[in-house]
Amino acid sequence: MLLFRFAIFFLLLAAGVCFALYIATSKPHYKRWGLMILKWTVIAALGFFGVLILERLL
């Protein structure tokens, strides 16, 4: 559980760094990377918390 929390935190941090680099350099590939990292982080977090919810219900 702690491992997943750290992974989600560091992925969100990586997305934030990508967005900061996009703001600093105006290179669009940093924005694409940031959005891709953010999208997959949210999907993984929803899946993880979905499993926790199902575990509580069953």
PDB file of N, CA and C in Angstrom:
ATOM      1  N   MET A   1       0.831  -1.195   0.000  1.00  0.00           N
ATOM      2  CA  MET A   1       0.000   0.000   0.000  1.00  0.00           C
ATOM      3  C   MET A   1       0.869   1.250   0.000  1.00  0.00           C
ATOM      4  N   LEU A   2       1.890   1.260   0.836  1.00  0.00           N
ATOM      5  CA  LEU A   2       2.785   2.405   0.907  1.00  0.00           C
ATOM      6  C   LEU A   2       3.545   2.580  -0.404  1.00  0.00           C
ATOM      7  N   LEU A   3       3.908   1.469  -1.036  1.00  0.00           N
ATOM      8  CA  LEU A   3       4.605   1.515  -2.315  1.00  0.00           C
ATOM      9  C   LEU A   3       3.750   2.190  -3.385  1.00  0.00           C
ATOM     10  N   PHE A   4       2.461   1.863  -3.423  1.00  0.00           N
ATOM     11  CA  PHE A   4       1.570   2.468  -4.412  1.00  0.00           C
ATOM     12  C   PHE A   4       1.385   3.959  -4.152  1.00  0.00           C
ATOM     13  N   ARG A   5       1.328   4.344  -2.900  1.00  0.00           N
ATOM     14  CA  ARG A   5       1.204   5.770  -2.578  1.00  0.00           C
ATOM     15  C   ARG A   5       2.428   6.537  -3.033  1.00  0.00           C
ATOM     16  N   PHE A   6       3.612   5.980  -2.789  1.00  0.00           N
ATOM     17  CA  PHE A   6       4.837   6.634  -3.244  1.00  0.00           C
ATOM     18  C   PHE A   6       4.895   6.699  -4.762  1.00  0.00           C
ATOM     19  N   ALA A   7       4.489   5.621  -5.425  1.00  0.00           N
ATOM     20  CA  ALA A   7       4.513   5.601  -6.888  1.00  0.00           C
ATOM     21  C   ALA A   7       3.585   6.672  -7.459  1.00  0.00           C
ATOM     22  N   ILE A   8       2.384   6.786  -6.911  1.00  0.00           N
ATOM     23  CA  ILE A   8       1.442   7.793  -7.384  1.00  0.00           C
ATOM     24  C   ILE A   8       1.973   9.192  -7.104  1.00  0.00           C
ATOM     25  N   PHE A   9       2.561   9.389  -5.925  1.00  0.00           N
ATOM     26  CA  PHE A   9       3.119  10.695  -5.587  1.00  0.00           C
ATOM     27  C   PHE A   9       4.232  11.087  -6.549  1.00  0.00           C
ATOM     28  N   PHE A  10       5.160  10.155  -6.812  1.00  0.00           N
ATOM     29  CA  PHE A  10       6.281  10.478  -7.680  1.00  0.00           C
ATOM     30  C   PHE A  10       5.848  10.656  -9.133  1.00  0.00           C
ATOM     31  N   LEU A  11       4.830   9.941  -9.564  1.00  0.00           N
ATOM     32  CA  LEU A  11       4.317  10.155 -10.918  1.00  0.00           C
ATOM     33  C   LEU A  11       3.650  11.520 -11.038  1.00  0.00           C
ATOM     34  N   LEU A  12       2.917  11.930 -10.016  1.00  0.00           N
ATOM     35  CA  LEU A  12       2.336  13.276 -10.036  1.00  0.00           C
ATOM     36  C   LEU A  12       3.432  14.341  -9.996  1.00  0.00           C
ATOM     37  N   LEU A  13       4.477  14.083  -9.240  1.00  0.00           N
ATOM     38  CA  LEU A  13       5.609  15.000  -9.197  1.00  0.00           C
ATOM     39  C   LEU A  13       6.287  15.087 -10.571  1.00  0.00           C
ATOM     40  N   ALA A  14       6.443  13.959 -11.245  1.00  0.00           N
ATOM     41  CA  ALA A  14       7.050  13.942 -12.581  1.00  0.00           C
ATOM     42  C   ALA A  14       6.188  14.721 -13.576  1.00  0.00           C
ATOM     43  N   ALA A  15       4.865  14.583 -13.478  1.00  0.00           N
ATOM     44  CA  ALA A  15       3.982  15.346 -14.357  1.00  0.00           C
ATOM     45  C   ALA A  15       4.121  16.837 -14.076  1.00  0.00           C
ATOM     46  N   GLY A  16       4.230  17.210 -12.810  1.00  0.00           N
ATOM     47  CA  GLY A  16       4.428  18.612 -12.457  1.00  0.00           C
ATOM     48  C   GLY A  16       5.731  19.165 -12.997  1.00  0.00           C
ATOM     49  N   VAL A  17       6.799  18.355 -12.944  1.00  0.00           N
ATOM     50  CA  VAL A  17       8.083  18.774 -13.493  1.00  0.00           C
ATOM     51  C   VAL A  17       7.980  18.961 -15.006  1.00  0.00           C
ATOM     52  N   CYS A  18       7.280  18.063 -15.676  1.00  0.00           N
ATOM     53  CA  CYS A  18       7.088  18.210 -17.122  1.00  0.00           C
ATOM     54  C   CYS A  18       6.337  19.495 -17.448  1.00  0.00           C
ATOM     55  N   PHE A  19       5.298  19.803 -16.692  1.00  0.00           N
ATOM     56  CA  PHE A  19       4.557  21.038 -16.942  1.00  0.00           C
ATOM     57  C   PHE A  19       5.419  22.264 -16.648  1.00  0.00           C
ATOM     58  N   ALA A  20       6.259  22.196 -15.614  1.00  0.00           N
ATOM     59  CA  ALA A  20       7.160  23.310 -15.315  1.00  0.00           C
ATOM     60  C   ALA A  20       8.179  23.494 -16.445  1.00  0.00           C
ATOM     61  N   LEU A  21       8.690  22.387 -16.976  1.00  0.00           N
ATOM     62  CA  LEU A  21       9.617  22.490 -18.097  1.00  0.00           C
ATOM     63  C   LEU A  21       8.922  23.050 -19.333  1.00  0.00           C
ATOM     64  N   TYR A  22       7.660  22.705 -19.534  1.00  0.00           N
ATOM     65  CA  TYR A  22       6.910  23.260 -20.655  1.00  0.00           C
ATOM     66  C   TYR A  22       6.753  24.775 -20.498  1.00  0.00           C
ATOM     67  N   ILE A  23       6.460  25.216 -19.297  1.00  0.00           N
ATOM     68  CA  ILE A  23       6.322  26.654 -19.050  1.00  0.00           C
ATOM     69  C   ILE A  23       7.662  27.361 -19.255  1.00  0.00           C
ATOM     70  N   ALA A  24       8.751  26.726 -18.813  1.00  0.00           N
ATOM     71  CA  ALA A  24      10.067  27.353 -18.904  1.00  0.00           C
ATOM     72  C   ALA A  24      10.607  27.389 -20.334  1.00  0.00           C
ATOM     73  N   THR A  25      10.349  26.322 -21.105  1.00  0.00           N
ATOM     74  CA  THR A  25      10.974  26.210 -22.423  1.00  0.00           C
ATOM     75  C   THR A  25      10.009  26.395 -23.588  1.00  0.00           C
ATOM     76  N   SER A  26       8.720  26.293 -23.356  1.00  0.00           N
ATOM     77  CA  SER A  26       7.676  26.379 -24.398  1.00  0.00           C
ATOM     78  C   SER A  26       7.795  25.280 -25.452  1.00  0.00           C
ATOM     79  N   LYS A  27       8.401  24.160 -25.080  1.00  0.00           N
ATOM     80  CA  LYS A  27       8.489  23.017 -25.998  1.00  0.00           C
ATOM     81  C   LYS A  27       7.284  22.109 -25.761  1.00  0.00           C
ATOM     82  N   PRO A  28       6.493  21.862 -26.813  1.00  0.00           N
ATOM     83  CA  PRO A  28       5.230  21.130 -26.621  1.00  0.00           C
ATOM     84  C   PRO A  28       5.378  19.677 -26.200  1.00  0.00           C
ATOM     85  N   HIS A  29       6.545  19.057 -26.434  1.00  0.00           N
ATOM     86  CA  HIS A  29       6.654  17.644 -26.035  1.00  0.00           C
ATOM     87  C   HIS A  29       6.642  17.484 -24.520  1.00  0.00           C
ATOM     88  N   TYR A  30       7.068  18.477 -23.762  1.00  0.00           N
ATOM     89  CA  TYR A  30       6.974  18.394 -22.300  1.00  0.00           C
ATOM     90  C   TYR A  30       5.511  18.409 -21.855  1.00  0.00           C
ATOM     91  N   LYS A  31       4.694  19.176 -22.535  1.00  0.00           N
ATOM     92  CA  LYS A  31       3.261  19.218 -22.215  1.00  0.00           C
ATOM     93  C   LYS A  31       2.620  17.863 -22.518  1.00  0.00           C
ATOM     94  N   ARG A  32       2.976  17.280 -23.660  1.00  0.00           N
ATOM     95  CA  ARG A  32       2.433  15.960 -24.020  1.00  0.00           C
ATOM     96  C   ARG A  32       2.842  14.910 -23.007  1.00  0.00           C
ATOM     97  N   TRP A  33       4.118  14.920 -22.606  1.00  0.00           N
ATOM     98  CA  TRP A  33       4.591  13.951 -21.609  1.00  0.00           C
ATOM     99  C   TRP A  33       3.871  14.147 -20.291  1.00  0.00           C
ATOM    100  N   GLY A  34       3.718  15.403 -19.878  1.00  0.00           N
ATOM    101  CA  GLY A  34       3.030  15.691 -18.619  1.00  0.00           C
ATOM    102  C   GLY A  34       1.597  15.200 -18.633  1.00  0.00           C
ATOM    103  N   LEU A  35       0.908  15.452 -19.741  1.00  0.00           N
ATOM    104  CA  LEU A  35      -0.487  14.989 -19.845  1.00  0.00           C
ATOM    105  C   LEU A  35      -0.568  13.467 -19.881  1.00  0.00           C
ATOM    106  N   MET A  36       0.380  12.830 -20.565  1.00  0.00           N
ATOM    107  CA  MET A  36       0.378  11.374 -20.633  1.00  0.00           C
ATOM    108  C   MET A  36       0.651  10.765 -19.251  1.00  0.00           C
ATOM    109  N   ILE A  37       1.633  11.299 -18.550  1.00  0.00           N
ATOM    110  CA  ILE A  37       1.940  10.805 -17.201  1.00  0.00           C
ATOM    111  C   ILE A  37       0.752  11.025 -16.271  1.00  0.00           C
ATOM    112  N   LEU A  38       0.140  12.208 -16.353  1.00  0.00           N
ATOM    113  CA  LEU A  38      -1.008  12.517 -15.503  1.00  0.00           C
ATOM    114  C   LEU A  38      -2.187  11.598 -15.797  1.00  0.00           C
ATOM    115  N   LYS A  39      -2.456  11.359 -17.075  1.00  0.00           N
ATOM    116  CA  LYS A  39      -3.571  10.487 -17.460  1.00  0.00           C
ATOM    117  C   LYS A  39      -3.388   9.081 -16.906  1.00  0.00           C
ATOM    118  N   TRP A  40      -2.214   8.496 -17.098  1.00  0.00           N
ATOM    119  CA  TRP A  40      -1.986   7.130 -16.648  1.00  0.00           C
ATOM    120  C   TRP A  40      -1.887   7.027 -15.128  1.00  0.00           C
ATOM    121  N   THR A  41      -1.449   8.098 -14.484  1.00  0.00           N
ATOM    122  CA  THR A  41      -1.428   8.118 -13.021  1.00  0.00           C
ATOM    123  C   THR A  41      -2.846   8.107 -12.462  1.00  0.00           C
ATOM    124  N   VAL A  42      -3.716   8.906 -13.060  1.00  0.00           N
ATOM    125  CA  VAL A  42      -5.112   8.941 -12.608  1.00  0.00           C
ATOM    126  C   VAL A  42      -5.790   7.602 -12.864  1.00  0.00           C
ATOM    127  N   ILE A  43      -5.546   7.000 -14.009  1.00  0.00           N
ATOM    128  CA  ILE A  43      -6.131   5.692 -14.316  1.00  0.00           C
ATOM    129  C   ILE A  43      -5.639   4.640 -13.320  1.00  0.00           C
ATOM    130  N   ALA A  44      -4.339   4.642 -13.031  1.00  0.00           N
ATOM    131  CA  ALA A  44      -3.791   3.676 -12.070  1.00  0.00           C
ATOM    132  C   ALA A  44      -4.343   3.918 -10.668  1.00  0.00           C
ATOM    133  N   ALA A  45      -4.470   5.180 -10.276  1.00  0.00           N
ATOM    134  CA  ALA A  45      -5.005   5.487  -8.945  1.00  0.00           C
ATOM    135  C   ALA A  45      -6.468   5.063  -8.838  1.00  0.00           C
ATOM    136  N   LEU A  46      -7.248   5.320  -9.872  1.00  0.00           N
ATOM    137  CA  LEU A  46      -8.654   4.897  -9.847  1.00  0.00           C
ATOM    138  C   LEU A  46      -8.763   3.379  -9.770  1.00  0.00           C
ATOM    139  N   GLY A  47      -7.918   2.671 -10.501  1.00  0.00           N
ATOM    140  CA  GLY A  47      -7.919   1.213 -10.429  1.00  0.00           C
ATOM    141  C   GLY A  47      -7.520   0.715  -9.047  1.00  0.00           C
ATOM    142  N   PHE A  48      -6.506   1.329  -8.469  1.00  0.00           N
ATOM    143  CA  PHE A  48      -6.036   0.929  -7.152  1.00  0.00           C
ATOM    144  C   PHE A  48      -7.117   1.156  -6.094  1.00  0.00           C
ATOM    145  N   PHE A  49      -7.719   2.341  -6.105  1.00  0.00           N
ATOM    146  CA  PHE A  49      -8.743   2.624  -5.110  1.00  0.00           C
ATOM    147  C   PHE A  49     -10.032   1.851  -5.390  1.00  0.00           C
ATOM    148  N   GLY A  50     -10.276   1.526  -6.646  1.00  0.00           N
ATOM    149  CA  GLY A  50     -11.411   0.674  -6.975  1.00  0.00           C
ATOM    150  C   GLY A  50     -11.256  -0.714  -6.380  1.00  0.00           C
ATOM    151  N   VAL A  51     -10.044  -1.254  -6.447  1.00  0.00           N
ATOM    152  CA  VAL A  51      -9.778  -2.565  -5.848  1.00  0.00           C
ATOM    153  C   VAL A  51      -9.940  -2.493  -4.330  1.00  0.00           C
ATOM    154  N   LEU A  52      -9.475  -1.402  -3.713  1.00  0.00           N
ATOM    155  CA  LEU A  52      -9.652  -1.260  -2.260  1.00  0.00           C
ATOM    156  C   LEU A  52     -11.130  -1.200  -1.876  1.00  0.00           C
ATOM    157  N   ILE A  53     -11.923  -0.496  -2.647  1.00  0.00           N
ATOM    158  CA  ILE A  53     -13.354  -0.393  -2.370  1.00  0.00           C
ATOM    159  C   ILE A  53     -14.026  -1.764  -2.524  1.00  0.00           C
ATOM    160  N   LEU A  54     -13.694  -2.472  -3.617  1.00  0.00           N
ATOM    161  CA  LEU A  54     -14.269  -3.810  -3.808  1.00  0.00           C
ATOM    162  C   LEU A  54     -13.851  -4.760  -2.696  1.00  0.00           C
ATOM    163  N   GLU A  55     -12.627  -4.611  -2.229  1.00  0.00           N
ATOM    164  CA  GLU A  55     -12.156  -5.460  -1.131  1.00  0.00           C
ATOM    165  C   GLU A  55     -12.972  -5.223   0.135  1.00  0.00           C
ATOM    166  N   ARG A  56     -13.321  -3.965   0.376  1.00  0.00           N
ATOM    167  CA  ARG A  56     -14.139  -3.642   1.569  1.00  0.00           C
ATOM    168  C   ARG A  56     -15.560  -4.165   1.435  1.00  0.00           C
ATOM    169  N   LEU A  57     -16.100  -4.132   0.213  1.00  0.00           N
ATOM    170  CA  LEU A  57     -17.475  -4.569   0.010  1.00  0.00           C
ATOM    171  C   LEU A  57     -17.619  -6.087   0.087  1.00  0.00           C
ATOM    172  N   LEU A  58     -16.604  -6.805  -0.310  1.00  0.00           N
ATOM    173  CA  LEU A  58     -16.685  -8.267  -0.315  1.00  0.00           C
ATOM    174  C   LEU A  58     -16.112  -8.809   0.932  1.00  0.00           C
TER     175      LEU A  58
END
